[in-house]
Amino acid sequence: MYFRREFAASGGLITYGPILAEMACQAGVYVGRILNGAKPADLPVVQPTKFELVINLETAKALGLTVTPTLLALADEVIE
């Protein structure tokens, strides 16, 4: 199990983690606030709120694993 989508695309079984584009947008908001005069120590800590689940069925088959239909339905992306 990995945390970035690219690992599943490269042959990993499953990835689950924050969407990096969302994190980059949040970083841009922080930079904007700092450039507008906010003190970094006064900014709140924000955690990611959007996550993605990617399953590589090709890898699952190679490992002899069966992925349940429920898990497949929850996946944001299924690589076949």
PDB file of N, CA and C in Angstrom:
ATOM      1  N   MET A   1       0.860  -1.173   0.000  1.00  0.00           N
ATOM      2  CA  MET A   1       0.000   0.000   0.000  1.00  0.00           C
ATOM      3  C   MET A   1       0.896   1.223   0.000  1.00  0.00           C
ATOM      4  N   TYR A   2       0.538   2.184  -0.827  1.00  0.00           N
ATOM      5  CA  TYR A   2       1.323   3.396  -0.985  1.00  0.00           C
ATOM      6  C   TYR A   2       0.455   4.626  -0.742  1.00  0.00           C
ATOM      7  N   PHE A   3       1.067   5.799  -0.761  1.00  0.00           N
ATOM      8  CA  PHE A   3       0.331   7.022  -0.462  1.00  0.00           C
ATOM      9  C   PHE A   3       0.150   7.934  -1.679  1.00  0.00           C
ATOM     10  N   ARG A   4       0.782   7.615  -2.797  1.00  0.00           N
ATOM     11  CA  ARG A   4       0.659   8.444  -3.992  1.00  0.00           C
ATOM     12  C   ARG A   4       0.170   7.611  -5.165  1.00  0.00           C
ATOM     13  N   ARG A   5      -0.694   8.203  -5.963  1.00  0.00           N
ATOM     14  CA  ARG A   5      -1.307   7.548  -7.098  1.00  0.00           C
ATOM     15  C   ARG A   5      -0.278   6.970  -8.071  1.00  0.00           C
ATOM     16  N   GLU A   6       0.833   7.641  -8.237  1.00  0.00           N
ATOM     17  CA  GLU A   6       1.859   7.225  -9.187  1.00  0.00           C
ATOM     18  C   GLU A   6       2.400   5.821  -8.891  1.00  0.00           C
ATOM     19  N   PHE A   7       2.406   5.434  -7.625  1.00  0.00           N
ATOM     20  CA  PHE A   7       2.913   4.111  -7.265  1.00  0.00           C
ATOM     21  C   PHE A   7       2.002   3.005  -7.800  1.00  0.00           C
ATOM     22  N   ALA A   8       0.699   3.204  -7.733  1.00  0.00           N
ATOM     23  CA  ALA A   8      -0.230   2.208  -8.285  1.00  0.00           C
ATOM     24  C   ALA A   8      -0.120   2.170  -9.799  1.00  0.00           C
ATOM     25  N   ALA A   9       0.063   3.318 -10.407  1.00  0.00           N
ATOM     26  CA  ALA A   9       0.210   3.369 -11.862  1.00  0.00           C
ATOM     27  C   ALA A   9       1.494   2.664 -12.309  1.00  0.00           C
ATOM     28  N   SER A  10       2.485   2.603 -11.414  1.00  0.00           N
ATOM     29  CA  SER A  10       3.763   1.957 -11.735  1.00  0.00           C
ATOM     30  C   SER A  10       3.797   0.479 -11.357  1.00  0.00           C
ATOM     31  N   GLY A  11       2.678  -0.044 -10.844  1.00  0.00           N
ATOM     32  CA  GLY A  11       2.633  -1.466 -10.532  1.00  0.00           C
ATOM     33  C   GLY A  11       2.321  -1.796  -9.092  1.00  0.00           C
ATOM     34  N   GLY A  12       2.164  -0.790  -8.235  1.00  0.00           N
ATOM     35  CA  GLY A  12       1.796  -1.042  -6.841  1.00  0.00           C
ATOM     36  C   GLY A  12       0.358  -1.521  -6.752  1.00  0.00           C
ATOM     37  N   LEU A  13       0.002  -2.155  -5.667  1.00  0.00           N
ATOM     38  CA  LEU A  13      -1.329  -2.732  -5.525  1.00  0.00           C
ATOM     39  C   LEU A  13      -2.394  -1.675  -5.223  1.00  0.00           C
ATOM     40  N   ILE A  14      -2.193  -0.916  -4.150  1.00  0.00           N
ATOM     41  CA  ILE A  14      -3.210   0.047  -3.711  1.00  0.00           C
ATOM     42  C   ILE A  14      -2.524   1.317  -3.234  1.00  0.00           C
ATOM     43  N   THR A  15      -3.144   2.448  -3.545  1.00  0.00           N
ATOM     44  CA  THR A  15      -2.683   3.711  -2.969  1.00  0.00           C
ATOM     45  C   THR A  15      -3.867   4.400  -2.317  1.00  0.00           C
ATOM     46  N   TYR A  16      -3.599   5.044  -1.199  1.00  0.00           N
ATOM     47  CA  TYR A  16      -4.606   5.855  -0.521  1.00  0.00           C
ATOM     48  C   TYR A  16      -3.883   7.013   0.124  1.00  0.00           C
ATOM     49  N   GLY A  17      -4.231   8.214  -0.273  1.00  0.00           N
ATOM     50  CA  GLY A  17      -3.568   9.377   0.285  1.00  0.00           C
ATOM     51  C   GLY A  17      -4.215  10.654  -0.182  1.00  0.00           C
ATOM     52  N   PRO A  18      -3.715  11.767   0.330  1.00  0.00           N
ATOM     53  CA  PRO A  18      -4.286  13.061  -0.046  1.00  0.00           C
ATOM     54  C   PRO A  18      -4.021  13.374  -1.517  1.00  0.00           C
ATOM     55  N   ILE A  19      -4.919  14.143  -2.090  1.00  0.00           N
ATOM     56  CA  ILE A  19      -4.746  14.585  -3.472  1.00  0.00           C
ATOM     57  C   ILE A  19      -3.729  15.724  -3.459  1.00  0.00           C
ATOM     58  N   LEU A  20      -2.599  15.507  -4.113  1.00  0.00           N
ATOM     59  CA  LEU A  20      -1.493  16.455  -4.052  1.00  0.00           C
ATOM     60  C   LEU A  20      -1.841  17.807  -4.656  1.00  0.00           C
ATOM     61  N   ALA A  21      -2.687  17.843  -5.664  1.00  0.00           N
ATOM     62  CA  ALA A  21      -3.088  19.120  -6.261  1.00  0.00           C
ATOM     63  C   ALA A  21      -3.830  19.985  -5.240  1.00  0.00           C
ATOM     64  N   GLU A  22      -4.650  19.360  -4.412  1.00  0.00           N
ATOM     65  CA  GLU A  22      -5.362  20.100  -3.364  1.00  0.00           C
ATOM     66  C   GLU A  22      -4.389  20.671  -2.332  1.00  0.00           C
ATOM     67  N   MET A  23      -3.377  19.875  -2.003  1.00  0.00           N
ATOM     68  CA  MET A  23      -2.385  20.341  -1.038  1.00  0.00           C
ATOM     69  C   MET A  23      -1.587  21.518  -1.613  1.00  0.00           C
ATOM     70  N   ALA A  24      -1.292  21.467  -2.903  1.00  0.00           N
ATOM     71  CA  ALA A  24      -0.566  22.560  -3.548  1.00  0.00           C
ATOM     72  C   ALA A  24      -1.410  23.833  -3.549  1.00  0.00           C
ATOM     73  N   CYS A  25      -2.699  23.700  -3.790  1.00  0.00           N
ATOM     74  CA  CYS A  25      -3.588  24.870  -3.744  1.00  0.00           C
ATOM     75  C   CYS A  25      -3.602  25.478  -2.353  1.00  0.00           C
ATOM     76  N   GLN A  26      -3.662  24.634  -1.335  1.00  0.00           N
ATOM     77  CA  GLN A  26      -3.666  25.134   0.045  1.00  0.00           C
ATOM     78  C   GLN A  26      -2.355  25.837   0.364  1.00  0.00           C
ATOM     79  N   ALA A  27      -1.246  25.312  -0.143  1.00  0.00           N
ATOM     80  CA  ALA A  27       0.044  25.969   0.057  1.00  0.00           C
ATOM     81  C   ALA A  27       0.043  27.343  -0.596  1.00  0.00           C
ATOM     82  N   GLY A  28      -0.578  27.456  -1.760  1.00  0.00           N
ATOM     83  CA  GLY A  28      -0.684  28.749  -2.430  1.00  0.00           C
ATOM     84  C   GLY A  28      -1.483  29.749  -1.618  1.00  0.00           C
ATOM     85  N   VAL A  29      -2.537  29.278  -0.966  1.00  0.00           N
ATOM     86  CA  VAL A  29      -3.331  30.156  -0.099  1.00  0.00           C
ATOM     87  C   VAL A  29      -2.465  30.660   1.059  1.00  0.00           C
ATOM     88  N   TYR A  30      -1.671  29.780   1.645  1.00  0.00           N
ATOM     89  CA  TYR A  30      -0.780  30.177   2.737  1.00  0.00           C
ATOM     90  C   TYR A  30       0.222  31.230   2.270  1.00  0.00           C
ATOM     91  N   VAL A  31       0.831  31.003   1.109  1.00  0.00           N
ATOM     92  CA  VAL A  31       1.808  31.949   0.578  1.00  0.00           C
ATOM     93  C   VAL A  31       1.146  33.299   0.344  1.00  0.00           C
ATOM     94  N   GLY A  32      -0.060  33.283  -0.203  1.00  0.00           N
ATOM     95  CA  GLY A  32      -0.793  34.533  -0.429  1.00  0.00           C
ATOM     96  C   GLY A  32      -1.043  35.287   0.854  1.00  0.00           C
ATOM     97  N   ARG A  33      -1.407  34.567   1.897  1.00  0.00           N
ATOM     98  CA  ARG A  33      -1.644  35.226   3.190  1.00  0.00           C
ATOM     99  C   ARG A  33      -0.369  35.833   3.749  1.00  0.00           C
ATOM    100  N   ILE A  34       0.729  35.102   3.624  1.00  0.00           N
ATOM    101  CA  ILE A  34       2.011  35.605   4.134  1.00  0.00           C
ATOM    102  C   ILE A  34       2.449  36.836   3.341  1.00  0.00           C
ATOM    103  N   LEU A  35       2.287  36.786   2.022  1.00  0.00           N
ATOM    104  CA  LEU A  35       2.660  37.930   1.199  1.00  0.00           C
ATOM    105  C   LEU A  35       1.781  39.152   1.465  1.00  0.00           C
ATOM    106  N   ASN A  36       0.580  38.916   1.969  1.00  0.00           N
ATOM    107  CA  ASN A  36      -0.309  40.022   2.323  1.00  0.00           C
ATOM    108  C   ASN A  36      -0.098  40.506   3.748  1.00  0.00           C
ATOM    109  N   GLY A  37       0.929  39.978   4.429  1.00  0.00           N
ATOM    110  CA  GLY A  37       1.292  40.499   5.736  1.00  0.00           C
ATOM    111  C   GLY A  37       0.969  39.639   6.940  1.00  0.00           C
ATOM    112  N   ALA A  38       0.362  38.477   6.744  1.00  0.00           N
ATOM    113  CA  ALA A  38       0.048  37.613   7.885  1.00  0.00           C
ATOM    114  C   ALA A  38       1.334  36.998   8.432  1.00  0.00           C
ATOM    115  N   LYS A  39       1.365  36.822   9.736  1.00  0.00           N
ATOM    116  CA  LYS A  39       2.511  36.170  10.367  1.00  0.00           C
ATOM    117  C   LYS A  39       2.321  34.651  10.243  1.00  0.00           C
ATOM    118  N   PRO A  40       3.345  33.941   9.789  1.00  0.00           N
ATOM    119  CA  PRO A  40       3.209  32.483   9.640  1.00  0.00           C
ATOM    120  C   PRO A  40       2.795  31.792  10.929  1.00  0.00           C
ATOM    121  N   ALA A  41       3.253  32.278  12.064  1.00  0.00           N
ATOM    122  CA  ALA A  41       2.907  31.651  13.343  1.00  0.00           C
ATOM    123  C   ALA A  41       1.421  31.800  13.669  1.00  0.00           C
ATOM    124  N   ASP A  42       0.762  32.782  13.060  1.00  0.00           N
ATOM    125  CA  ASP A  42      -0.653  33.014  13.333  1.00  0.00           C
ATOM    126  C   ASP A  42      -1.582  32.223  12.409  1.00  0.00           C
ATOM    127  N   LEU A  43      -1.025  31.604  11.378  1.00  0.00           N
ATOM    128  CA  LEU A  43      -1.856  30.847  10.446  1.00  0.00           C
ATOM    129  C   LEU A  43      -2.221  29.487  11.034  1.00  0.00           C
ATOM    130  N   PRO A  44      -3.452  29.046  10.826  1.00  0.00           N
ATOM    131  CA  PRO A  44      -3.856  27.741  11.361  1.00  0.00           C
ATOM    132  C   PRO A  44      -3.223  26.595  10.573  1.00  0.00           C
ATOM    133  N   VAL A  45      -3.079  25.479  11.238  1.00  0.00           N
ATOM    134  CA  VAL A  45      -2.600  24.269  10.571  1.00  0.00           C
ATOM    135  C   VAL A  45      -3.806  23.630   9.874  1.00  0.00           C
ATOM    136  N   VAL A  46      -3.650  23.384   8.596  1.00  0.00           N
ATOM    137  CA  VAL A  46      -4.742  22.802   7.821  1.00  0.00           C
ATOM    138  C   VAL A  46      -4.311  21.428   7.331  1.00  0.00           C
ATOM    139  N   GLN A  47      -5.157  20.445   7.569  1.00  0.00           N
ATOM    140  CA  GLN A  47      -4.867  19.085   7.119  1.00  0.00           C
ATOM    141  C   GLN A  47      -5.643  18.810   5.840  1.00  0.00           C
ATOM    142  N   PRO A  48      -5.153  17.885   5.023  1.00  0.00           N
ATOM    143  CA  PRO A  48      -5.878  17.567   3.790  1.00  0.00           C
ATOM    144  C   PRO A  48      -7.277  17.027   4.084  1.00  0.00           C
ATOM    145  N   THR A  49      -8.200  17.348   3.202  1.00  0.00           N
ATOM    146  CA  THR A  49      -9.580  16.889   3.385  1.00  0.00           C
ATOM    147  C   THR A  49     -10.038  15.978   2.251  1.00  0.00           C
ATOM    148  N   LYS A  50      -9.312  15.980   1.131  1.00  0.00           N
ATOM    149  CA  LYS A  50      -9.683  15.137  -0.002  1.00  0.00           C
ATOM    150  C   LYS A  50      -8.621  14.064  -0.193  1.00  0.00           C
ATOM    151  N   PHE A  51      -9.072  12.826  -0.222  1.00  0.00           N
ATOM    152  CA  PHE A  51      -8.190  11.675  -0.383  1.00  0.00           C
ATOM    153  C   PHE A  51      -8.657  10.855  -1.579  1.00  0.00           C
ATOM    154  N   GLU A  52      -7.741  10.082  -2.156  1.00  0.00           N
ATOM    155  CA  GLU A  52      -8.128   9.220  -3.266  1.00  0.00           C
ATOM    156  C   GLU A  52      -7.617   7.802  -3.038  1.00  0.00           C
ATOM    157  N   LEU A  53      -8.422   6.851  -3.496  1.00  0.00           N
ATOM    158  CA  LEU A  53      -8.101   5.433  -3.418  1.00  0.00           C
ATOM    159  C   LEU A  53      -7.952   4.909  -4.839  1.00  0.00           C
ATOM    160  N   VAL A  54      -6.775   4.334  -5.133  1.00  0.00           N
ATOM    161  CA  VAL A  54      -6.504   3.786  -6.462  1.00  0.00           C
ATOM    162  C   VAL A  54      -6.115   2.318  -6.288  1.00  0.00           C
ATOM    163  N   ILE A  55      -6.728   1.453  -7.082  1.00  0.00           N
ATOM    164  CA  ILE A  55      -6.467   0.013  -7.012  1.00  0.00           C
ATOM    165  C   ILE A  55      -5.962  -0.456  -8.369  1.00  0.00           C
ATOM    166  N   ASN A  56      -4.894  -1.222  -8.355  1.00  0.00           N
ATOM    167  CA  ASN A  56      -4.327  -1.785  -9.576  1.00  0.00           C
ATOM    168  C   ASN A  56      -4.747  -3.255  -9.649  1.00  0.00           C
ATOM    169  N   LEU A  57      -5.743  -3.547 -10.478  1.00  0.00           N
ATOM    170  CA  LEU A  57      -6.249  -4.920 -10.595  1.00  0.00           C
ATOM    171  C   LEU A  57      -5.251  -5.854 -11.259  1.00  0.00           C
ATOM    172  N   GLU A  58      -4.440  -5.322 -12.132  1.00  0.00           N
ATOM    173  CA  GLU A  58      -3.422  -6.146 -12.801  1.00  0.00           C
ATOM    174  C   GLU A  58      -2.448  -6.708 -11.770  1.00  0.00           C
ATOM    175  N   THR A  59      -2.035  -5.876 -10.834  1.00  0.00           N
ATOM    176  CA  THR A  59      -1.129  -6.321  -9.776  1.00  0.00           C
ATOM    177  C   THR A  59      -1.831  -7.302  -8.844  1.00  0.00           C
ATOM    178  N   ALA A  60      -3.102  -7.036  -8.540  1.00  0.00           N
ATOM    179  CA  ALA A  60      -3.862  -7.937  -7.674  1.00  0.00           C
ATOM    180  C   ALA A  60      -3.949  -9.332  -8.299  1.00  0.00           C
ATOM    181  N   LYS A  61      -4.193  -9.398  -9.588  1.00  0.00           N
ATOM    182  CA  LYS A  61      -4.275 -10.684 -10.274  1.00  0.00           C
ATOM    183  C   LYS A  61      -2.918 -11.387 -10.271  1.00  0.00           C
ATOM    184  N   ALA A  62      -1.848 -10.613 -10.467  1.00  0.00           N
ATOM    185  CA  ALA A  62      -0.507 -11.202 -10.468  1.00  0.00           C
ATOM    186  C   ALA A  62      -0.154 -11.785  -9.107  1.00  0.00           C
ATOM    187  N   LEU A  63      -0.688 -11.175  -8.035  1.00  0.00           N
ATOM    188  CA  LEU A  63      -0.428 -11.664  -6.678  1.00  0.00           C
ATOM    189  C   LEU A  63      -1.433 -12.732  -6.246  1.00  0.00           C
ATOM    190  N   GLY A  64      -2.420 -12.997  -7.085  1.00  0.00           N
ATOM    191  CA  GLY A  64      -3.432 -13.996  -6.750  1.00  0.00           C
ATOM    192  C   GLY A  64      -4.458 -13.491  -5.752  1.00  0.00           C
ATOM    193  N   LEU A  65      -4.673 -12.186  -5.721  1.00  0.00           N
ATOM    194  CA  LEU A  65      -5.621 -11.586  -4.781  1.00  0.00           C
ATOM    195  C   LEU A  65      -6.937 -11.270  -5.479  1.00  0.00           C
ATOM    196  N   THR A  66      -8.014 -11.386  -4.729  1.00  0.00           N
ATOM    197  CA  THR A  66      -9.325 -11.006  -5.227  1.00  0.00           C
ATOM    198  C   THR A  66      -9.752  -9.738  -4.506  1.00  0.00           C
ATOM    199  N   VAL A  67     -10.067  -8.722  -5.265  1.00  0.00           N
ATOM    200  CA  VAL A  67     -10.517  -7.449  -4.688  1.00  0.00           C
ATOM    201  C   VAL A  67     -12.036  -7.481  -4.654  1.00  0.00           C
ATOM    202  N   THR A  68     -12.600  -7.226  -3.502  1.00  0.00           N
ATOM    203  CA  THR A  68     -14.051  -7.306  -3.343  1.00  0.00           C
ATOM    204  C   THR A  68     -14.748  -6.215  -4.143  1.00  0.00           C
ATOM    205  N   PRO A  69     -15.971  -6.496  -4.586  1.00  0.00           N
ATOM    206  CA  PRO A  69     -16.731  -5.481  -5.323  1.00  0.00           C
ATOM    207  C   PRO A  69     -16.976  -4.208  -4.498  1.00  0.00           C
ATOM    208  N   THR A  70     -17.116  -4.362  -3.199  1.00  0.00           N
ATOM    209  CA  THR A  70     -17.319  -3.199  -2.339  1.00  0.00           C
ATOM    210  C   THR A  70     -16.113  -2.275  -2.381  1.00  0.00           C
ATOM    211  N   LEU A  71     -14.923  -2.843  -2.295  1.00  0.00           N
ATOM    212  CA  LEU A  71     -13.701  -2.039  -2.345  1.00  0.00           C
ATOM    213  C   LEU A  71     -13.541  -1.400  -3.719  1.00  0.00           C
ATOM    214  N   LEU A  72     -13.865  -2.136  -4.767  1.00  0.00           N
ATOM    215  CA  LEU A  72     -13.808  -1.573  -6.120  1.00  0.00           C
ATOM    216  C   LEU A  72     -14.779  -0.410  -6.280  1.00  0.00           C
ATOM    217  N   ALA A  73     -15.948  -0.513  -5.659  1.00  0.00           N
ATOM    218  CA  ALA A  73     -16.935   0.568  -5.744  1.00  0.00           C
ATOM    219  C   ALA A  73     -16.467   1.814  -5.002  1.00  0.00           C
ATOM    220  N   LEU A  74     -15.687   1.631  -3.951  1.00  0.00           N
ATOM    221  CA  LEU A  74     -15.175   2.775  -3.184  1.00  0.00           C
ATOM    222  C   LEU A  74     -13.995   3.466  -3.850  1.00  0.00           C
ATOM    223  N   ALA A  75     -13.332   2.767  -4.751  1.00  0.00           N
ATOM    224  CA  ALA A  75     -12.117   3.303  -5.379  1.00  0.00           C
ATOM    225  C   ALA A  75     -12.430   4.493  -6.270  1.00  0.00           C
ATOM    226  N   ASP A  76     -11.556   5.483  -6.232  1.00  0.00           N
ATOM    227  CA  ASP A  76     -11.665   6.632  -7.124  1.00  0.00           C
ATOM    228  C   ASP A  76     -11.187   6.270  -8.519  1.00  0.00           C
ATOM    229  N   GLU A  77     -10.266   5.321  -8.585  1.00  0.00           N
ATOM    230  CA  GLU A  77      -9.729   4.874  -9.880  1.00  0.00           C
ATOM    231  C   GLU A  77      -9.346   3.408  -9.773  1.00  0.00           C
ATOM    232  N   VAL A  78      -9.635   2.647 -10.813  1.00  0.00           N
ATOM    233  CA  VAL A  78      -9.245   1.239 -10.890  1.00  0.00           C
ATOM    234  C   VAL A  78      -8.407   1.077 -12.146  1.00  0.00           C
ATOM    235  N   ILE A  79      -7.185   0.614 -11.964  1.00  0.00           N
ATOM    236  CA  ILE A  79      -6.286   0.393 -13.087  1.00  0.00           C
ATOM    237  C   ILE A  79      -6.396  -1.074 -13.479  1.00  0.00           C
ATOM    238  N   GLU A  80      -6.742  -1.319 -14.749  1.00  0.00           N
ATOM    239  CA  GLU A  80      -6.927  -2.703 -15.218  1.00  0.00           C
ATOM    240  C   GLU A  80      -5.822  -3.114 -16.149  1.00  0.00           C
TER     241      GLU A  80
END
